[in-house]
Amino acid sequence: MSRPLLVAIAITVLAGAGLLISRLHADAQQEIPVVAEPTAPPRTPEPHVVVDVTGAVAHPGVYRLPAGSRVIDALLAAGGMTGEADLVALNKAAPVRDGQRIYVPRPGESVPAGLER
């Protein structure tokens, strides 16, 4: 083999070895980013309201309802109005509030003191 050919082979081998070493060295120094999963905030229980449903309903009593419930939701929780309930006496779409008493009157019946329609 001629001397210039041996020199070219030697340079190629050294360049390849240098490239290999630089890649191995670069991989060793490369930092792997650590991504921490964000922790979910603790779940707070959904707020509820407690209402007292009485009068012409199937099952008068105290009921716990999700916040934002309406009078109709309280009536349904109490088993619905009976056949003797005054259907137009209540605003069934009205929102309920915690501690409210909902009285379902019978036709012609006046609401007892301290009770809400």
Protein backbone atom coordinates (compact mmCIF):
# COMPACT_ATOMS: atom_id res chain seq x y z
CA MET A 1 0.00 0.00 0.00
CA SER A 2 1.14 3.46 -0.64
CA ARG A 3 1.93 5.85 2.08
CA PRO A 4 -0.72 8.48 1.16
CA LEU A 5 -3.41 5.75 1.23
CA LEU A 6 -2.30 4.60 4.71
CA VAL A 7 -2.38 8.20 5.94
CA ALA A 8 -5.92 8.65 4.56
CA ILE A 9 -7.10 5.44 6.23
CA ALA A 10 -5.49 6.48 9.53
CA ILE A 11 -7.16 9.91 9.38
CA THR A 12 -10.54 8.31 8.62
CA VAL A 13 -10.18 5.86 11.51
CA LEU A 14 -9.14 8.64 13.91
CA ALA A 15 -11.99 10.88 12.77
CA GLY A 16 -14.48 8.04 13.24
CA ALA A 17 -13.09 7.27 16.69
CA GLY A 18 -13.26 10.95 17.64
CA LEU A 19 -16.83 11.19 16.44
CA LEU A 20 -17.81 8.07 18.40
CA ILE A 21 -16.15 9.35 21.57
CA SER A 22 -17.77 12.76 21.24
CA ARG A 23 -21.22 11.18 20.85
CA LEU A 24 -20.72 8.91 23.86
CA HIS A 25 -19.43 11.85 25.86
CA ALA A 26 -22.36 14.06 24.79
CA ASP A 27 -24.89 11.39 25.77
CA ALA A 28 -23.31 11.03 29.20
CA GLN A 29 -23.56 14.77 29.90
CA GLN A 30 -27.05 15.23 28.54
CA GLU A 31 -29.49 15.92 31.32
CA ILE A 32 -32.84 14.26 31.16
CA PRO A 33 -35.54 16.70 32.13
CA VAL A 34 -37.75 15.51 34.96
CA VAL A 35 -41.35 16.49 34.55
CA ALA A 36 -43.26 16.31 37.77
CA GLU A 37 -46.94 15.55 37.38
CA PRO A 38 -48.96 18.35 38.84
CA THR A 39 -50.91 17.25 41.84
CA ALA A 40 -54.63 17.74 41.62
CA PRO A 41 -56.07 20.07 44.22
CA PRO A 42 -57.95 18.24 46.93
CA ARG A 43 -61.58 17.74 46.06
CA THR A 44 -63.94 19.64 48.22
CA PRO A 45 -67.28 18.04 48.81
CA GLU A 46 -70.05 19.48 46.73
CA PRO A 47 -72.12 21.92 48.74
CA HIS A 48 -75.58 20.83 49.75
CA VAL A 49 -78.66 22.47 51.14
CA VAL A 50 -81.02 20.95 53.68
CA VAL A 51 -84.72 21.71 53.29
CA ASP A 52 -87.86 20.74 55.16
CA VAL A 53 -90.71 19.75 52.83
CA THR A 54 -94.13 19.59 54.44
CA GLY A 55 -97.82 19.81 53.59
CA ALA A 56 -99.50 17.95 50.72
CA VAL A 57 -96.52 15.79 49.68
CA ALA A 58 -96.18 12.02 49.67
CA HIS A 59 -93.34 11.87 52.23
CA PRO A 60 -92.93 15.05 54.30
CA GLY A 61 -89.51 15.37 55.84
CA VAL A 62 -86.05 16.91 55.80
CA TYR A 63 -84.07 16.40 52.60
CA ARG A 64 -80.47 17.05 51.62
CA LEU A 65 -80.20 18.38 48.04
CA PRO A 66 -77.32 19.59 45.87
CA ALA A 67 -76.71 23.33 46.01
CA GLY A 68 -78.54 25.07 43.20
CA SER A 69 -81.60 22.85 43.51
CA ARG A 70 -85.09 24.18 42.83
CA VAL A 71 -88.39 23.74 44.67
CA ILE A 72 -89.37 21.04 42.15
CA ASP A 73 -86.28 19.03 43.17
CA ALA A 74 -87.35 19.20 46.82
CA LEU A 75 -90.88 18.13 45.92
CA LEU A 76 -89.57 15.17 43.93
CA ALA A 77 -87.30 14.18 46.81
CA ALA A 78 -90.41 14.13 49.03
CA GLY A 79 -92.16 11.75 46.64
CA GLY A 80 -94.10 14.42 44.78
CA MET A 81 -97.24 16.35 45.63
CA THR A 82 -100.37 14.49 46.61
CA GLY A 83 -103.62 14.70 44.65
CA GLU A 84 -104.93 17.25 47.13
CA ALA A 85 -102.04 19.74 46.62
CA ASP A 86 -102.70 23.20 45.26
CA LEU A 87 -100.65 22.97 42.06
CA VAL A 88 -100.53 26.70 41.39
CA ALA A 89 -99.70 27.80 44.94
CA LEU A 90 -95.96 27.17 44.58
CA ASN A 91 -93.31 28.53 42.28
CA LYS A 92 -91.74 25.19 41.48
CA ALA A 93 -88.86 26.84 39.60
CA ALA A 94 -87.70 28.93 42.57
CA PRO A 95 -84.22 28.14 43.92
CA VAL A 96 -84.07 26.65 47.41
CA ARG A 97 -81.74 27.85 50.16
CA ASP A 98 -80.27 26.03 53.10
CA GLY A 99 -82.66 25.67 56.03
CA GLN A 100 -85.74 26.57 54.00
CA ARG A 101 -89.12 25.04 54.79
CA ILE A 102 -91.30 24.40 51.76
CA TYR A 103 -94.98 24.07 52.53
CA VAL A 104 -97.34 22.62 49.91
CA PRO A 105 -100.86 23.82 50.72
CA ARG A 106 -104.15 22.28 49.77
CA PRO A 107 -106.63 24.40 47.73
CA GLY A 108 -108.11 27.18 49.86
CA GLU A 109 -105.72 26.48 52.71
CA SER A 110 -103.80 29.39 54.19
CA VAL A 111 -100.11 28.99 54.95
CA PRO A 112 -99.40 28.54 58.66
CA ALA A 113 -97.32 31.30 60.28
CA GLY A 114 -93.57 30.87 59.79
CA LEU A 115 -93.91 28.63 56.74
CA GLU A 116 -93.06 29.49 53.16
CA ARG A 117 -94.93 28.48 50.10
